[in-house]
Amino acid sequence: MSVCSSSNPLEPRDCDGTCQRFLNLKKCFNLSALITSSLDPDEVLERIMSTSRQALGAETCSLLLADETGEELGFAVAQGPASTGISRDFRIQRGQGIAGWVFDKAKPLLIPNAYEDDRFNPDVDKKTGYRTLTILCVPLAVKNKVIGVAQLINKCNGQPFDAADLEMLELLAAQAAIAIDNARLHREMLTKQRIDYDLKIAEDIQRRFMPSSAPIIDGLDMAGITLPCDETGGDYFDFIEFPEKIHNKVGVAIGDVSGHGIPAALLMATARAFLRARAEQPGDISAVISDVNRLLTVDTGHSGRFMTLFYMVINAKAGHIDWIRAGHDPALIYDPHTDTFSELGGRGLILGVDGEWMYEANHIEGLSPGMILFLGTDGIWETRNAAREMYGKDRIREILSQNAHRCAADIINVILSSLDAFGGVGCQGDDVTMVVLKILPSSDESIAM
């Protein structure tokens, strides 16, 4: 081994092959720092190939990345004379050509004469009019998984690539693969942050859709709550006041949109807007819900989404309820005087399926002070515990009968505590929504029986 003479041993001037290798390694480290100094995926890819091309004096270079299936390579970067004829849509199958072979075998190739190698595919040359002479091609791997290949074609000095060139490109490729992976992870993190931010905004907007408090209606104590299982949910409840508030009428709605997340929340918001706008117009509740269904069906189209709804108008002073059940679970009525339960059932199709469906109103009279109405979504009784046992409706009935002396808000809190003790409200697999109404004595007269 010869010794280099230099005033600075770290920067030899007259070197044999060993010293040249040292210089190549030093250059490689400097180039790696340049490659890894960006977290923008597109910029990283361009830097990888431009630095590799300049460092090894290549005329043309390309970087191909694997698709999601792991069976095809697509051009991510193409530089040099042949690059203008290469489309980003051009695909190379695993095992096809030099790049496909390197991708499949996870091994580098040094080819002095391309047209003498059976693996070489001249199709790109035919497309571009470029003449490939010598090729360097190395895999890009992260955690033993090949994510793509880097390829250099033809040296500017007309000489074939050699083993030193291959070694340097492999070192650059190792750093490049890490840089690509880091840039992808960074982009995914930013995307997730943006999605989380958007979901937070959507959650805030949806929360404002729900009543912050129940309206004050003489003869009624009302409360409601919704707990989505995701950031946004498809459950819905609302209290709708009418201009003729003096008559002690109030609309109460509860609904459940199929699915979860943003799509369900959007459909819920649409249904809420339709119902609020239509409820203030002339017509009985059968016309109201029929019109809402017709409008909603136009929006749902053939999406397969739908919404169940229970809508009622209660007149506390007159002591009666008109309601429509559009595929939703019946409301429960508990009468503490007789310790009995009844249901507000009825026939009605879910919303968003048949725009021509005409809904029929139901009517009940004889409400008396102390009676409790409970409206809920199936996320309550379908909550399961660790033993996969369902919460069911019997527990709801038991709570209503044992807590009939409490106010509506307290009854809801008791049910939530029971749900939490049973299976965990925070871990439910569906949205949980409920409304409780308690009939109170009217301020000026007893409610008619």
Protein backbone atom coordinates (compact mmCIF):
# COMPACT_ATOMS: atom_id res chain seq x y z
CA MET A 1 0.00 0.00 0.00
CA SER A 2 1.47 3.32 -1.01
CA VAL A 3 1.48 6.35 1.28
CA CYS A 4 0.05 9.68 0.19
CA SER A 5 2.06 12.80 0.85
CA SER A 6 -0.14 15.77 1.81
CA SER A 7 -0.02 18.72 4.14
CA ASN A 8 -3.48 17.67 5.30
CA PRO A 9 -3.84 13.89 5.66
CA LEU A 10 -7.60 14.24 5.36
CA GLU A 11 -7.24 15.78 1.89
CA PRO A 12 -4.69 13.68 -0.05
CA ARG A 13 -3.50 15.07 -3.33
CA ASP A 14 -1.63 12.20 -4.99
CA CYS A 15 -3.69 9.09 -4.37
CA ASP A 16 -3.72 5.53 -5.62
CA GLY A 17 -7.00 3.55 -5.81
CA THR A 18 -7.34 3.36 -2.02
CA CYS A 19 -7.08 7.09 -1.60
CA GLN A 20 -9.50 7.66 -4.48
CA ARG A 21 -11.97 5.43 -2.70
CA PHE A 22 -11.51 7.58 0.38
CA LEU A 23 -12.29 10.67 -1.66
CA ASN A 24 -15.35 9.02 -3.13
CA LEU A 25 -16.60 8.13 0.33
CA LYS A 26 -16.06 11.70 1.51
CA LYS A 27 -17.94 13.00 -1.52
CA CYS A 28 -20.69 10.49 -0.87
CA PHE A 29 -21.14 11.67 2.71
CA ASN A 30 -21.34 15.29 1.56
CA LEU A 31 -23.92 14.39 -1.08
CA SER A 32 -25.91 12.36 1.47
CA ALA A 33 -26.16 15.42 3.68
CA LEU A 34 -27.55 17.36 0.72
CA ILE A 35 -30.06 14.59 -0.06
CA THR A 36 -31.34 14.32 3.51
CA SER A 37 -31.58 18.09 4.11
CA SER A 38 -35.13 18.27 2.72
CA LEU A 39 -38.38 16.65 3.83
CA ASP A 40 -40.31 17.48 0.69
CA PRO A 41 -40.76 14.14 -1.16
CA ASP A 42 -40.57 15.60 -4.68
CA GLU A 43 -37.50 17.68 -3.85
CA VAL A 44 -35.81 14.70 -2.22
CA LEU A 45 -36.31 12.57 -5.32
CA GLU A 46 -34.90 15.25 -7.61
CA ARG A 47 -31.90 15.80 -5.32
CA ILE A 48 -31.14 12.10 -5.18
CA MET A 49 -30.82 11.80 -8.93
CA SER A 50 -29.20 15.16 -9.68
CA THR A 51 -26.47 14.57 -7.06
CA SER A 52 -25.91 10.98 -8.18
CA ARG A 53 -25.79 11.99 -11.82
CA GLN A 54 -23.27 14.80 -11.20
CA ALA A 55 -21.11 12.75 -8.81
CA LEU A 56 -20.70 9.88 -11.26
CA GLY A 57 -20.70 11.91 -14.47
CA ALA A 58 -23.75 10.22 -15.98
CA GLU A 59 -25.61 11.53 -19.01
CA THR A 60 -29.01 10.22 -18.03
CA CYS A 61 -30.59 9.01 -14.82
CA SER A 62 -33.94 7.81 -13.58
CA LEU A 63 -35.53 6.88 -10.30
CA LEU A 64 -38.42 4.45 -10.28
CA LEU A 65 -40.66 3.76 -7.27
CA ALA A 66 -42.83 0.76 -6.55
CA ASP A 67 -46.60 1.17 -6.66
CA GLU A 68 -48.94 0.14 -3.85
CA THR A 69 -49.18 -3.42 -5.13
CA GLY A 70 -45.42 -3.86 -5.12
CA GLU A 71 -45.57 -5.38 -8.60
CA GLU A 72 -44.85 -2.37 -10.80
CA LEU A 73 -42.31 0.42 -11.04
CA GLY A 74 -43.21 3.92 -12.18
CA PHE A 75 -40.89 6.76 -13.19
CA ALA A 76 -40.65 9.32 -10.37
CA VAL A 77 -37.63 11.19 -11.76
CA ALA A 78 -36.04 11.18 -15.21
CA GLN A 79 -33.15 13.50 -16.10
CA GLY A 80 -30.92 13.85 -19.12
CA PRO A 81 -31.24 13.53 -22.90
CA ALA A 82 -33.62 10.56 -22.78
CA SER A 83 -35.95 12.00 -20.14
CA THR A 84 -38.21 14.01 -22.48
CA GLY A 85 -39.58 10.89 -24.11
CA ILE A 86 -40.43 9.14 -20.86
CA SER A 87 -43.99 9.43 -19.56
CA ARG A 88 -44.76 9.27 -15.87
CA ASP A 89 -47.49 6.79 -16.83
CA PHE A 90 -44.94 4.34 -18.23
CA ARG A 91 -44.83 1.22 -16.04
CA ILE A 92 -42.26 -1.53 -15.66
CA GLN A 93 -43.37 -4.90 -14.34
CA ARG A 94 -41.44 -6.75 -11.65
CA GLY A 95 -38.66 -8.69 -13.39
CA GLN A 96 -39.02 -6.76 -16.65
CA GLY A 97 -35.83 -5.22 -18.07
CA ILE A 98 -32.82 -4.11 -16.04
CA ALA A 99 -34.82 -2.04 -13.53
CA GLY A 100 -37.44 -4.76 -13.10
CA TRP A 101 -34.72 -7.38 -12.53
CA VAL A 102 -33.00 -5.25 -9.86
CA PHE A 103 -36.35 -4.58 -8.22
CA ASP A 104 -37.24 -8.27 -8.17
CA LYS A 105 -33.85 -9.63 -7.08
CA ALA A 106 -32.92 -6.72 -4.75
CA LYS A 107 -29.41 -6.84 -6.25
CA PRO A 108 -27.40 -4.16 -8.07
CA LEU A 109 -26.31 -4.46 -11.70
CA LEU A 110 -23.23 -3.07 -13.45
CA ILE A 111 -23.62 -3.50 -17.21
CA PRO A 112 -20.75 -2.32 -19.43
CA ASN A 113 -22.68 -2.95 -22.68
CA ALA A 114 -26.47 -2.86 -22.46
CA TYR A 115 -27.25 -4.47 -25.81
CA GLU A 116 -25.16 -7.51 -24.93
CA ASP A 117 -27.26 -8.19 -21.83
CA ASP A 118 -30.39 -10.30 -22.34
CA ARG A 119 -32.16 -8.49 -19.51
CA PHE A 120 -31.97 -5.15 -21.26
CA ASN A 121 -35.25 -3.95 -22.78
CA PRO A 122 -34.63 -1.53 -25.69
CA ASP A 123 -38.25 -0.25 -25.72
CA VAL A 124 -37.35 3.00 -23.94
CA ASP A 125 -34.54 3.61 -26.46
CA LYS A 126 -37.04 3.09 -29.27
CA LYS A 127 -39.44 5.55 -27.67
CA THR A 128 -36.83 8.23 -27.01
CA GLY A 129 -34.32 7.71 -29.82
CA TYR A 130 -31.57 7.57 -27.21
CA ARG A 131 -28.80 4.94 -27.38
CA THR A 132 -28.08 3.18 -24.09
CA LEU A 133 -24.49 1.99 -23.76
CA THR A 134 -23.60 1.34 -20.12
CA ILE A 135 -25.88 1.05 -17.09
CA LEU A 136 -25.66 1.23 -13.32
CA CYS A 137 -28.81 0.14 -11.49
CA VAL A 138 -29.20 -0.32 -7.73
CA PRO A 139 -32.16 -1.11 -5.46
CA LEU A 140 -33.52 1.38 -2.93
CA ALA A 141 -34.43 -0.52 0.20
CA VAL A 142 -35.82 0.40 3.60
CA LYS A 143 -35.91 -2.22 6.35
CA ASN A 144 -35.12 -4.95 3.84
CA LYS A 145 -38.01 -3.91 1.60
CA VAL A 146 -37.22 -2.66 -1.89
CA ILE A 147 -39.19 0.53 -2.55
CA GLY A 148 -37.68 1.37 -5.93
CA VAL A 149 -34.52 1.51 -8.05
CA ALA A 150 -32.03 4.19 -9.11
CA GLN A 151 -30.49 3.95 -12.55
CA LEU A 152 -27.62 5.79 -14.27
CA ILE A 153 -27.06 5.50 -18.01
CA ASN A 154 -23.95 6.34 -20.05
CA LYS A 155 -20.95 8.21 -18.68
CA CYS A 156 -20.26 11.64 -20.12
CA ASN A 157 -16.65 10.64 -20.89
CA GLY A 158 -17.78 7.69 -23.02
CA GLN A 159 -16.30 5.10 -20.66
CA PRO A 160 -18.33 2.31 -19.06
CA PHE A 161 -19.25 2.46 -15.40
CA ASP A 162 -16.90 0.54 -13.12
CA ALA A 163 -16.93 -1.10 -9.68
CA ALA A 164 -16.01 2.16 -7.92
CA ASP A 165 -18.98 3.87 -9.53
CA LEU A 166 -21.23 1.03 -8.40
CA GLU A 167 -19.96 1.23 -4.84
CA MET A 168 -20.57 4.97 -4.68
CA LEU A 169 -24.07 4.67 -6.14
CA GLU A 170 -24.93 1.95 -3.62
CA LEU A 171 -23.82 4.20 -0.77
CA LEU A 172 -25.89 7.06 -2.14
CA ALA A 173 -28.86 4.74 -2.67
CA ALA A 174 -28.75 3.60 0.96
CA GLN A 175 -29.00 7.21 2.15
CA ALA A 176 -31.52 8.03 -0.56
CA ALA A 177 -33.87 5.24 0.53
CA ILE A 178 -33.83 6.54 4.10
CA ALA A 179 -34.44 10.10 2.86
CA ILE A 180 -37.39 8.94 0.73
CA ASP A 181 -38.88 7.04 3.66
CA ASN A 182 -38.42 10.01 6.01
CA ALA A 183 -39.99 12.38 3.49
CA ARG A 184 -42.96 10.04 3.04
CA LEU A 185 -43.43 9.71 6.78
CA HIS A 186 -43.22 13.48 7.12
CA ARG A 187 -45.85 13.98 4.43
CA GLU A 188 -48.10 11.37 6.05
CA MET A 189 -47.67 13.13 9.39
CA LEU A 190 -48.60 16.49 7.86
CA THR A 191 -51.57 14.91 6.11
CA LYS A 192 -52.74 13.34 9.35
CA GLN A 193 -52.34 16.66 11.17
CA ARG A 194 -54.38 18.39 8.48
CA ILE A 195 -57.07 15.70 8.65
CA ASP A 196 -57.12 15.90 12.45
CA TYR A 197 -57.45 19.67 12.23
CA ASP A 198 -60.28 19.40 9.70
CA LEU A 199 -62.02 16.79 11.85
CA LYS A 200 -61.70 19.03 14.88
CA ILE A 201 -63.36 21.87 12.97
CA ALA A 202 -66.07 19.49 11.74
CA GLU A 203 -66.57 18.26 15.31
CA ASP A 204 -66.94 21.82 16.58
CA ILE A 205 -69.40 22.70 13.82
CA GLN A 206 -71.47 19.58 14.43
CA ARG A 207 -71.52 20.22 18.16
CA ARG A 208 -73.02 23.63 17.45
CA PHE A 209 -75.74 21.94 15.42
CA MET A 210 -76.95 20.22 18.59
CA PRO A 211 -79.04 22.23 21.03
CA SER A 212 -76.89 23.71 23.78
CA SER A 213 -79.96 23.73 26.01
CA ALA A 214 -83.61 22.80 25.77
CA PRO A 215 -86.19 25.54 25.15
CA ILE A 216 -88.30 26.59 28.12
CA ILE A 217 -91.81 25.27 27.53
CA ASP A 218 -94.48 25.51 30.19
CA GLY A 219 -95.37 22.01 31.34
CA LEU A 220 -92.22 20.32 30.01
CA ASP A 221 -88.77 19.44 31.37
CA MET A 222 -86.48 18.41 28.48
CA ALA A 223 -82.85 17.38 28.04
CA GLY A 224 -80.81 15.71 25.33
CA ILE A 225 -77.25 14.58 24.63
CA THR A 226 -75.23 12.96 21.85
CA LEU A 227 -71.85 11.25 22.17
CA PRO A 228 -70.29 10.35 18.79
CA CYS A 229 -68.01 7.33 18.70
CA ASP A 230 -65.75 9.12 16.19
CA GLU A 231 -64.79 12.78 15.96
CA THR A 232 -68.00 13.34 14.05
CA GLY A 233 -71.13 11.25 14.16
CA GLY A 234 -74.34 10.49 12.33
CA ASP A 235 -76.67 10.69 15.33
CA TYR A 236 -78.88 13.73 15.68
CA PHE A 237 -81.36 15.29 18.05
CA ASP A 238 -83.07 18.65 18.03
CA PHE A 239 -85.70 20.77 19.71
CA ILE A 240 -87.71 22.86 17.27
CA GLU A 241 -89.66 25.85 18.56
CA PHE A 242 -92.64 27.22 16.68
CA PRO A 243 -93.85 30.81 16.34
CA GLU A 244 -96.99 29.87 18.26
CA LYS A 245 -94.91 29.12 21.36
CA ILE A 246 -97.79 30.38 23.49
CA HIS A 247 -99.60 27.14 22.69
CA ASN A 248 -96.84 25.15 24.41
CA LYS A 249 -95.95 23.22 21.26
CA VAL A 250 -92.41 22.01 20.61
CA GLY A 251 -90.94 19.68 18.01
CA VAL A 252 -88.56 16.96 19.15
CA ALA A 253 -86.45 14.99 16.67
CA ILE A 254 -83.94 12.19 17.03
CA GLY A 255 -82.23 10.40 14.15
CA ASP A 256 -79.47 8.02 13.18
CA VAL A 257 -77.62 8.19 9.86
CA SER A 258 -76.10 4.98 8.52
CA GLY A 259 -72.33 4.82 8.97
CA HIS A 260 -70.00 7.12 10.86
CA GLY A 261 -67.54 9.93 10.27
CA ILE A 262 -67.70 12.87 7.87
CA PRO A 263 -70.17 11.38 5.31
CA ALA A 264 -72.68 10.56 8.04
CA ALA A 265 -72.21 13.97 9.64
CA LEU A 266 -72.85 15.73 6.32
CA LEU A 267 -76.08 13.82 5.74
CA MET A 268 -77.14 14.54 9.31
CA ALA A 269 -76.50 18.27 8.84
CA THR A 270 -78.50 18.22 5.60
CA ALA A 271 -81.45 16.46 7.24
CA ARG A 272 -81.36 18.91 10.16
CA ALA A 273 -81.47 21.89 7.82
CA PHE A 274 -84.35 20.41 5.79
CA LEU A 275 -86.38 19.60 8.89
CA ARG A 276 -85.87 22.96 10.57
CA ALA A 277 -86.78 24.86 7.41
CA ARG A 278 -89.84 22.73 6.62
CA ALA A 279 -91.19 22.50 10.18
CA GLU A 280 -91.88 26.24 10.26
CA GLN A 281 -93.99 26.07 7.09
CA PRO A 282 -97.72 25.24 6.93
CA GLY A 283 -98.78 21.61 6.99
CA ASP A 284 -99.11 18.79 9.49
CA ILE A 285 -96.15 16.62 10.47
CA SER A 286 -96.94 13.96 7.84
CA ALA A 287 -96.44 16.59 5.12
CA VAL A 288 -93.33 17.89 6.88
CA ILE A 289 -91.57 14.53 7.01
CA SER A 290 -92.73 13.52 3.53
CA ASP A 291 -91.17 16.69 2.12
CA VAL A 292 -87.95 16.20 4.10
CA ASN A 293 -87.69 12.62 2.84
CA ARG A 294 -88.24 13.72 -0.78
CA LEU A 295 -85.46 16.32 -0.55
CA LEU A 296 -83.10 13.96 1.29
CA THR A 297 -83.62 11.18 -1.25
CA VAL A 298 -82.40 13.52 -4.00
CA ASP A 299 -79.17 14.04 -2.05
CA THR A 300 -78.59 10.40 -1.09
CA GLY A 301 -79.22 9.18 -4.65
CA HIS A 302 -77.75 5.70 -5.04
CA SER A 303 -75.17 6.15 -2.28
CA GLY A 304 -76.78 3.52 -0.10
CA ARG A 305 -76.95 5.93 2.83
CA PHE A 306 -80.13 6.51 4.75
CA MET A 307 -81.40 7.95 8.00
CA THR A 308 -83.85 6.79 10.63
CA LEU A 309 -85.90 9.51 12.31
CA PHE A 310 -88.41 9.85 15.10
CA TYR A 311 -90.15 13.20 15.02
CA MET A 312 -92.90 14.36 17.33
CA VAL A 313 -94.71 17.55 18.18
CA ILE A 314 -95.79 17.63 21.79
CA ASN A 315 -98.40 20.01 23.13
CA ALA A 316 -97.84 20.00 26.86
CA LYS A 317 -100.85 22.20 27.65
CA ALA A 318 -103.30 20.06 25.67
CA GLY A 319 -101.61 16.85 26.81
CA HIS A 320 -101.16 15.20 23.42
CA ILE A 321 -98.43 14.14 20.97
CA ASP A 322 -98.37 13.82 17.20
CA TRP A 323 -95.48 11.80 15.86
CA ILE A 324 -93.97 10.02 12.88
CA ARG A 325 -91.67 7.05 13.11
CA ALA A 326 -89.43 6.81 10.02
CA GLY A 327 -87.66 3.54 10.67
CA HIS A 328 -86.44 4.64 14.09
CA ASP A 329 -86.93 2.79 17.38
CA PRO A 330 -90.20 3.70 19.09
CA ALA A 331 -90.17 6.24 21.90
CA LEU A 332 -90.83 4.89 25.40
CA ILE A 333 -93.44 6.38 27.72
CA TYR A 334 -93.33 5.62 31.43
CA ASP A 335 -96.35 6.35 33.61
CA PRO A 336 -95.27 6.41 37.28
CA HIS A 337 -98.91 6.39 38.44
CA THR A 338 -99.46 2.90 37.06
CA ASP A 339 -95.78 1.86 36.84
CA THR A 340 -96.31 0.84 33.22
CA PHE A 341 -94.52 1.38 29.93
CA SER A 342 -95.91 1.94 26.46
CA GLU A 343 -94.34 2.70 23.11
CA LEU A 344 -94.93 5.29 20.43
CA GLY A 345 -94.66 2.99 17.44
CA GLY A 346 -96.14 3.26 14.00
CA ARG A 347 -95.35 2.45 10.40
CA GLY A 348 -92.82 4.46 8.39
CA LEU A 349 -89.94 3.93 5.98
CA ILE A 350 -86.42 5.17 6.71
CA LEU A 351 -85.53 8.51 5.09
CA GLY A 352 -83.56 8.70 1.86
CA VAL A 353 -84.78 5.51 0.18
CA ASP A 354 -88.09 6.28 -1.55
CA GLY A 355 -88.76 9.92 -2.29
CA GLU A 356 -92.44 9.24 -3.06
CA TRP A 357 -93.24 7.67 0.30
CA MET A 358 -96.09 9.40 2.13
CA TYR A 359 -95.76 9.28 5.90
CA GLU A 360 -98.75 8.90 8.21
CA ALA A 361 -98.99 10.77 11.51
CA ASN A 362 -99.82 9.07 14.81
CA HIS A 363 -101.60 10.70 17.73
CA ILE A 364 -101.93 10.11 21.46
CA GLU A 365 -103.72 12.03 24.19
CA GLY A 366 -103.98 11.86 27.96
CA LEU A 367 -100.49 12.94 29.05
CA SER A 368 -100.33 13.68 32.74
CA PRO A 369 -97.74 15.25 35.06
CA GLY A 370 -94.96 12.86 36.02
CA MET A 371 -94.98 10.91 32.77
CA ILE A 372 -91.57 10.44 31.16
CA LEU A 373 -90.78 10.05 27.46
CA PHE A 374 -87.49 8.53 26.37
CA LEU A 375 -86.09 8.71 22.83
CA GLY A 376 -82.76 7.08 21.97
CA THR A 377 -80.59 5.59 19.26
CA ASP A 378 -79.51 1.97 18.99
CA GLY A 379 -75.98 2.85 20.10
CA ILE A 380 -77.39 2.75 23.66
CA TRP A 381 -79.02 -0.69 23.83
CA GLU A 382 -76.49 -2.26 21.46
CA THR A 383 -73.54 -1.27 23.65
CA ARG A 384 -71.68 -4.44 24.62
CA ASN A 385 -69.58 -5.26 27.66
CA ALA A 386 -66.43 -7.38 27.82
CA ALA A 387 -68.54 -10.54 27.76
CA ARG A 388 -70.22 -9.32 24.53
CA GLU A 389 -73.54 -8.95 26.36
CA MET A 390 -75.80 -6.20 25.01
CA TYR A 391 -77.01 -3.41 27.28
CA GLY A 392 -80.57 -3.80 26.06
CA LYS A 393 -83.73 -1.80 26.72
CA ASP A 394 -84.72 -3.44 30.00
CA ARG A 395 -82.02 -1.49 31.81
CA ILE A 396 -83.42 1.73 30.36
CA ARG A 397 -86.90 0.85 31.65
CA GLU A 398 -85.50 0.03 35.08
CA ILE A 399 -83.67 3.36 35.28
CA LEU A 400 -86.75 5.31 34.18
CA SER A 401 -88.97 3.65 36.77
CA GLN A 402 -86.44 4.05 39.60
CA ASN A 403 -85.60 7.67 38.76
CA ALA A 404 -88.96 9.06 37.74
CA HIS A 405 -88.74 11.60 40.54
CA ARG A 406 -85.62 13.15 39.01
CA CYS A 407 -85.42 15.89 36.38
CA ALA A 408 -84.78 15.05 32.72
CA ALA A 409 -81.08 15.99 32.80
CA ASP A 410 -80.46 13.86 35.91
CA ILE A 411 -82.16 10.86 34.30
CA ILE A 412 -79.81 11.18 31.32
CA ASN A 413 -76.81 11.32 33.65
CA VAL A 414 -77.97 8.17 35.43
CA ILE A 415 -78.27 6.34 32.09
CA LEU A 416 -74.81 7.52 31.02
CA SER A 417 -73.31 6.33 34.30
CA SER A 418 -75.02 2.98 33.85
CA LEU A 419 -73.70 2.69 30.29
CA ASP A 420 -70.21 3.58 31.43
CA ALA A 421 -70.28 1.00 34.19
CA PHE A 422 -71.65 -1.61 31.78
CA GLY A 423 -69.37 -1.25 28.79
CA GLY A 424 -67.67 2.13 28.78
CA VAL A 425 -69.31 5.08 27.08
CA GLY A 426 -65.92 6.22 25.74
CA CYS A 427 -65.39 2.87 24.00
CA GLN A 428 -68.79 2.41 22.39
CA GLY A 429 -68.90 1.13 18.84
CA ASP A 430 -71.72 3.43 17.81
CA ASP A 431 -72.94 6.94 18.49
CA VAL A 432 -75.01 7.34 21.65
CA THR A 433 -77.88 9.85 21.61
CA MET A 434 -80.89 10.27 23.87
CA VAL A 435 -83.64 12.73 24.72
CA VAL A 436 -85.71 12.67 27.90
CA LEU A 437 -88.93 14.66 28.42
CA LYS A 438 -90.84 14.86 31.65
CA ILE A 439 -94.41 16.16 31.83
CA LEU A 440 -94.83 18.86 34.48
CA PRO A 441 -97.92 20.58 35.83
CA SER A 442 -98.82 23.63 33.75
CA SER A 443 -98.28 26.95 35.45
CA ASP A 444 -101.88 28.06 34.96
CA GLU A 445 -103.89 24.86 34.89
CA SER A 446 -103.63 21.10 35.09
CA ILE A 447 -102.83 19.31 31.87
CA ALA A 448 -105.97 17.87 30.31
CA MET A 449 -106.39 14.18 30.67
